Each structure stands twice: as C-alpha cells, then as structure tokens.
C-alpha cells in the first residue's frame, strides 16, 4: 500500500488572484508548476472581469 501523507505535509502556494494558500492535489500532480488559481471562481476573475 502507498504511504499516506498528512494534508499539512503537502506543498502549498498562494493564489495569484486572492492570495489565499491552497494545497497540492493529486489531479495537479503533473502540472503543479502551472497551477496558479485556488478555484474556478478565481480563475474566472483573473482579468478582473467580474460579470453582473
């Protein structure tokens, strides 16, 4: 069985939009260096284009 890691042991980085730290996810394993946003909401606000 693979060794489990605590969530606190995972790498983190700040979101470029809101500045909040977010943790590594398995689905980002191969593209972690390219991930810049903590959520889809921040990804949509990246250009300051809030609709509504």
PDB file of N, CA and C in Angstrom:
ATOM      1  N   UNK A   1       0.836  -1.201   0.000  1.00  0.00           N
ATOM      2  CA  UNK A   1       0.000   0.000   0.000  1.00  0.00           C
ATOM      3  C   UNK A   1       0.871   1.251   0.000  1.00  0.00           C
ATOM      4  N   UNK A   2       0.444   2.300  -0.723  1.00  0.00           N
ATOM      5  CA  UNK A   2       1.221   3.535  -0.738  1.00  0.00           C
ATOM      6  C   UNK A   2       1.156   4.236   0.612  1.00  0.00           C
ATOM      7  N   UNK A   3       2.235   4.911   0.909  1.00  0.00           N
ATOM      8  CA  UNK A   3       2.310   5.656   2.166  1.00  0.00           C
ATOM      9  C   UNK A   3       1.426   6.899   2.088  1.00  0.00           C
ATOM     10  N   UNK A   4       0.591   7.095   3.091  1.00  0.00           N
ATOM     11  CA  UNK A   4      -0.302   8.257   3.132  1.00  0.00           C
ATOM     12  C   UNK A   4       0.439   9.458   3.717  1.00  0.00           C
ATOM     13  N   UNK A   5       0.136  10.641   3.199  1.00  0.00           N
ATOM     14  CA  UNK A   5       0.718  11.874   3.710  1.00  0.00           C
ATOM     15  C   UNK A   5      -0.363  12.673   4.415  1.00  0.00           C
ATOM     16  N   UNK A   6       0.042  13.389   5.428  1.00  0.00           N
ATOM     17  CA  UNK A   6      -0.890  14.293   6.089  1.00  0.00           C
ATOM     18  C   UNK A   6      -1.108  15.492   5.185  1.00  0.00           C
ATOM     19  N   UNK A   7      -2.295  16.071   5.238  1.00  0.00           N
ATOM     20  CA  UNK A   7      -2.582  17.235   4.406  1.00  0.00           C
ATOM     21  C   UNK A   7      -1.636  18.384   4.731  1.00  0.00           C
ATOM     22  N   UNK A   8      -1.240  18.487   6.001  1.00  0.00           N
ATOM     23  CA  UNK A   8      -0.333  19.565   6.396  1.00  0.00           C
ATOM     24  C   UNK A   8       1.073  19.387   5.815  1.00  0.00           C
ATOM     25  N   UNK A   9       1.393  18.189   5.336  1.00  0.00           N
ATOM     26  CA  UNK A   9       2.707  17.926   4.739  1.00  0.00           C
ATOM     27  C   UNK A   9       2.748  18.193   3.241  1.00  0.00           C
ATOM     28  N   UNK A  10       1.588  18.456   2.626  1.00  0.00           N
ATOM     29  CA  UNK A  10       1.545  18.699   1.184  1.00  0.00           C
ATOM     30  C   UNK A  10       2.055  20.098   0.854  1.00  0.00           C
ATOM     31  N   UNK A  11       2.659  20.276  -0.319  1.00  0.00           N
ATOM     32  CA  UNK A  11       3.123  21.604  -0.707  1.00  0.00           C
ATOM     33  C   UNK A  11       1.943  22.559  -0.924  1.00  0.00           C
ATOM     34  N   UNK A  12       2.174  23.826  -0.657  1.00  0.00           N
ATOM     35  CA  UNK A  12       1.147  24.845  -0.881  1.00  0.00           C
ATOM     36  C   UNK A  12       1.751  26.000  -1.671  1.00  0.00           C
ATOM     37  N   UNK A  13       0.868  26.817  -2.234  1.00  0.00           N
ATOM     38  CA  UNK A  13       1.295  28.046  -2.908  1.00  0.00           C
ATOM     39  C   UNK A  13       0.130  29.023  -2.856  1.00  0.00           C
ATOM     40  N   UNK A  14       0.409  30.328  -2.957  1.00  0.00           N
ATOM     41  CA  UNK A  14      -0.675  31.314  -2.898  1.00  0.00           C
ATOM     42  C   UNK A  14      -1.367  31.477  -4.251  1.00  0.00           C
ATOM     43  N   UNK A  15      -2.654  31.737  -4.214  1.00  0.00           N
ATOM     44  CA  UNK A  15      -3.444  32.024  -5.406  1.00  0.00           C
ATOM     45  C   UNK A  15      -3.039  33.412  -5.916  1.00  0.00           C
ATOM     46  N   UNK A  16      -2.864  33.564  -7.235  1.00  0.00           N
ATOM     47  CA  UNK A  16      -2.444  34.847  -7.785  1.00  0.00           C
ATOM     48  C   UNK A  16      -3.549  35.894  -7.757  1.00  0.00           C
ATOM     49  N   UNK A  17      -4.808  35.485  -7.589  1.00  0.00           N
ATOM     50  CA  UNK A  17      -5.927  36.421  -7.564  1.00  0.00           C
ATOM     51  C   UNK A  17      -6.247  36.864  -6.142  1.00  0.00           C
ATOM     52  N   UNK A  18      -6.540  35.897  -5.253  1.00  0.00           N
ATOM     53  CA  UNK A  18      -6.984  36.244  -3.902  1.00  0.00           C
ATOM     54  C   UNK A  18      -5.867  36.170  -2.866  1.00  0.00           C
ATOM     55  N   UNK A  19      -4.760  35.512  -3.185  1.00  0.00           N
ATOM     56  CA  UNK A  19      -3.632  35.433  -2.269  1.00  0.00           C
ATOM     57  C   UNK A  19      -3.739  34.344  -1.212  1.00  0.00           C
ATOM     58  N   UNK A  20      -4.867  33.627  -1.164  1.00  0.00           N
ATOM     59  CA  UNK A  20      -5.017  32.559  -0.173  1.00  0.00           C
ATOM     60  C   UNK A  20      -4.168  31.356  -0.569  1.00  0.00           C
ATOM     61  N   UNK A  21      -3.564  30.693   0.415  1.00  0.00           N
ATOM     62  CA  UNK A  21      -2.785  29.494   0.086  1.00  0.00           C
ATOM     63  C   UNK A  21      -3.701  28.322  -0.240  1.00  0.00           C
ATOM     64  N   UNK A  22      -3.272  27.499  -1.186  1.00  0.00           N
ATOM     65  CA  UNK A  22      -4.008  26.278  -1.497  1.00  0.00           C
ATOM     66  C   UNK A  22      -3.016  25.132  -1.619  1.00  0.00           C
ATOM     67  N   UNK A  23      -3.482  23.929  -1.326  1.00  0.00           N
ATOM     68  CA  UNK A  23      -2.620  22.755  -1.236  1.00  0.00           C
ATOM     69  C   UNK A  23      -2.617  21.952  -2.533  1.00  0.00           C
ATOM     70  N   UNK A  24      -1.557  21.204  -2.703  1.00  0.00           N
ATOM     71  CA  UNK A  24      -1.377  20.289  -3.823  1.00  0.00           C
ATOM     72  C   UNK A  24      -2.507  19.281  -3.863  1.00  0.00           C
ATOM     73  N   UNK A  25      -2.927  18.915  -5.058  1.00  0.00           N
ATOM     74  CA  UNK A  25      -3.941  17.874  -5.261  1.00  0.00           C
ATOM     75  C   UNK A  25      -3.391  16.831  -6.222  1.00  0.00           C
ATOM     76  N   UNK A  26      -3.837  15.615  -6.043  1.00  0.00           N
ATOM     77  CA  UNK A  26      -3.382  14.508  -6.898  1.00  0.00           C
ATOM     78  C   UNK A  26      -3.619  14.816  -8.378  1.00  0.00           C
ATOM     79  N   UNK A  27      -4.770  15.444  -8.696  1.00  0.00           N
ATOM     80  CA  UNK A  27      -5.062  15.712 -10.110  1.00  0.00           C
ATOM     81  C   UNK A  27      -4.124  16.763 -10.712  1.00  0.00           C
ATOM     82  N   UNK A  28      -3.419  17.512  -9.867  1.00  0.00           N
ATOM     83  CA  UNK A  28      -2.451  18.501 -10.339  1.00  0.00           C
ATOM     84  C   UNK A  28      -1.025  17.961 -10.324  1.00  0.00           C
ATOM     85  N   UNK A  29      -0.851  16.683 -10.104  1.00  0.00           N
ATOM     86  CA  UNK A  29       0.463  16.077  -9.929  1.00  0.00           C
ATOM     87  C   UNK A  29       1.437  16.433 -11.054  1.00  0.00           C
ATOM     88  N   UNK A  30       0.984  16.370 -12.302  1.00  0.00           N
ATOM     89  CA  UNK A  30       1.877  16.598 -13.449  1.00  0.00           C
ATOM     90  C   UNK A  30       1.964  18.054 -13.873  1.00  0.00           C
ATOM     91  N   UNK A  31       1.065  18.907 -13.372  1.00  0.00           N
ATOM     92  CA  UNK A  31       1.043  20.304 -13.807  1.00  0.00           C
ATOM     93  C   UNK A  31       1.144  21.284 -12.633  1.00  0.00           C
ATOM     94  N   UNK A  32       1.633  20.836 -11.486  1.00  0.00           N
ATOM     95  CA  UNK A  32       1.667  21.667 -10.281  1.00  0.00           C
ATOM     96  C   UNK A  32       2.371  23.005 -10.521  1.00  0.00           C
ATOM     97  N   UNK A  33       3.424  23.031 -11.315  1.00  0.00           N
ATOM     98  CA  UNK A  33       4.134  24.287 -11.579  1.00  0.00           C
ATOM     99  C   UNK A  33       3.300  25.270 -12.393  1.00  0.00           C
ATOM    100  N   UNK A  34       2.299  24.779 -13.102  1.00  0.00           N
ATOM    101  CA  UNK A  34       1.455  25.634 -13.938  1.00  0.00           C
ATOM    102  C   UNK A  34       0.190  26.107 -13.227  1.00  0.00           C
ATOM    103  N   UNK A  35      -0.174  25.481 -12.109  1.00  0.00           N
ATOM    104  CA  UNK A  35      -1.396  25.833 -11.384  1.00  0.00           C
ATOM    105  C   UNK A  35      -1.192  27.174 -10.689  1.00  0.00           C
ATOM    106  N   UNK A  36      -2.128  28.120 -10.927  1.00  0.00           N
ATOM    107  CA  UNK A  36      -1.990  29.471 -10.376  1.00  0.00           C
ATOM    108  C   UNK A  36      -3.180  29.909  -9.548  1.00  0.00           C
ATOM    109  N   UNK A  37      -4.310  29.247  -9.715  1.00  0.00           N
ATOM    110  CA  UNK A  37      -5.547  29.694  -9.075  1.00  0.00           C
ATOM    111  C   UNK A  37      -6.066  28.648  -8.105  1.00  0.00           C
ATOM    112  N   UNK A  38      -6.673  29.095  -7.008  1.00  0.00           N
ATOM    113  CA  UNK A  38      -7.175  28.176  -5.985  1.00  0.00           C
ATOM    114  C   UNK A  38      -8.535  27.593  -6.339  1.00  0.00           C
ATOM    115  N   UNK A  39      -9.264  28.234  -7.251  1.00  0.00           N
ATOM    116  CA  UNK A  39     -10.612  27.776  -7.579  1.00  0.00           C
ATOM    117  C   UNK A  39     -11.017  28.265  -8.966  1.00  0.00           C
ATOM    118  N   UNK A  40     -12.123  27.721  -9.461  1.00  0.00           N
ATOM    119  CA  UNK A  40     -12.652  28.193 -10.739  1.00  0.00           C
ATOM    120  C   UNK A  40     -13.087  29.648 -10.638  1.00  0.00           C
ATOM    121  N   UNK A  41     -13.594  30.048  -9.473  1.00  0.00           N
ATOM    122  CA  UNK A  41     -14.034  31.436  -9.294  1.00  0.00           C
ATOM    123  C   UNK A  41     -12.852  32.398  -9.470  1.00  0.00           C
ATOM    124  N   UNK A  42     -11.716  32.077  -8.881  1.00  0.00           N
ATOM    125  CA  UNK A  42     -10.534  32.939  -9.040  1.00  0.00           C
ATOM    126  C   UNK A  42     -10.006  32.886 -10.470  1.00  0.00           C
ATOM    127  N   UNK A  43     -10.093  31.737 -11.099  1.00  0.00           N
ATOM    128  CA  UNK A  43      -9.650  31.625 -12.489  1.00  0.00           C
ATOM    129  C   UNK A  43     -10.495  32.517 -13.388  1.00  0.00           C
ATOM    130  N   UNK A  44     -11.793  32.616 -13.113  1.00  0.00           N
ATOM    131  CA  UNK A  44     -12.676  33.470 -13.897  1.00  0.00           C
ATOM    132  C   UNK A  44     -12.432  34.960 -13.616  1.00  0.00           C
ATOM    133  N   UNK A  45     -11.947  35.288 -12.435  1.00  0.00           N
ATOM    134  CA  UNK A  45     -11.686  36.692 -12.075  1.00  0.00           C
ATOM    135  C   UNK A  45     -10.279  37.140 -12.402  1.00  0.00           C
ATOM    136  N   UNK A  46      -9.485  36.290 -13.051  1.00  0.00           N
ATOM    137  CA  UNK A  46      -8.070  36.593 -13.278  1.00  0.00           C
ATOM    138  C   UNK A  46      -7.825  37.914 -13.998  1.00  0.00           C
ATOM    139  N   UNK A  47      -8.743  38.325 -14.857  1.00  0.00           N
ATOM    140  CA  UNK A  47      -8.581  39.580 -15.589  1.00  0.00           C
ATOM    141  C   UNK A  47      -9.426  40.701 -15.005  1.00  0.00           C
ATOM    142  N   UNK A  48      -9.948  40.485 -13.823  1.00  0.00           N
ATOM    143  CA  UNK A  48     -10.806  41.490 -13.209  1.00  0.00           C
ATOM    144  C   UNK A  48     -12.160  41.605 -13.896  1.00  0.00           C
ATOM    145  N   UNK A  49     -12.530  40.581 -14.651  1.00  0.00           N
ATOM    146  CA  UNK A  49     -13.760  40.620 -15.411  1.00  0.00           C
ATOM    147  C   UNK A  49     -14.941  40.040 -14.671  1.00  0.00           C
ATOM    148  N   UNK A  50     -15.316  40.661 -13.565  1.00  0.00           N
ATOM    149  CA  UNK A  50     -16.487  40.196 -12.829  1.00  0.00           C
ATOM    150  C   UNK A  50     -17.746  40.586 -13.591  1.00  0.00           C
ATOM    151  N   UNK A  51     -18.583  39.603 -13.882  1.00  0.00           N
ATOM    152  CA  UNK A  51     -19.818  39.868 -14.623  1.00  0.00           C
ATOM    153  C   UNK A  51     -20.949  40.182 -13.655  1.00  0.00           C
ATOM    154  N   UNK A  52     -21.907  40.949 -14.153  1.00  0.00           N
ATOM    155  CA  UNK A  52     -23.113  41.142 -13.368  1.00  0.00           C
ATOM    156  C   UNK A  52     -23.314  42.455 -12.883  1.00  0.00           C
TER     157      UNK A  52
END
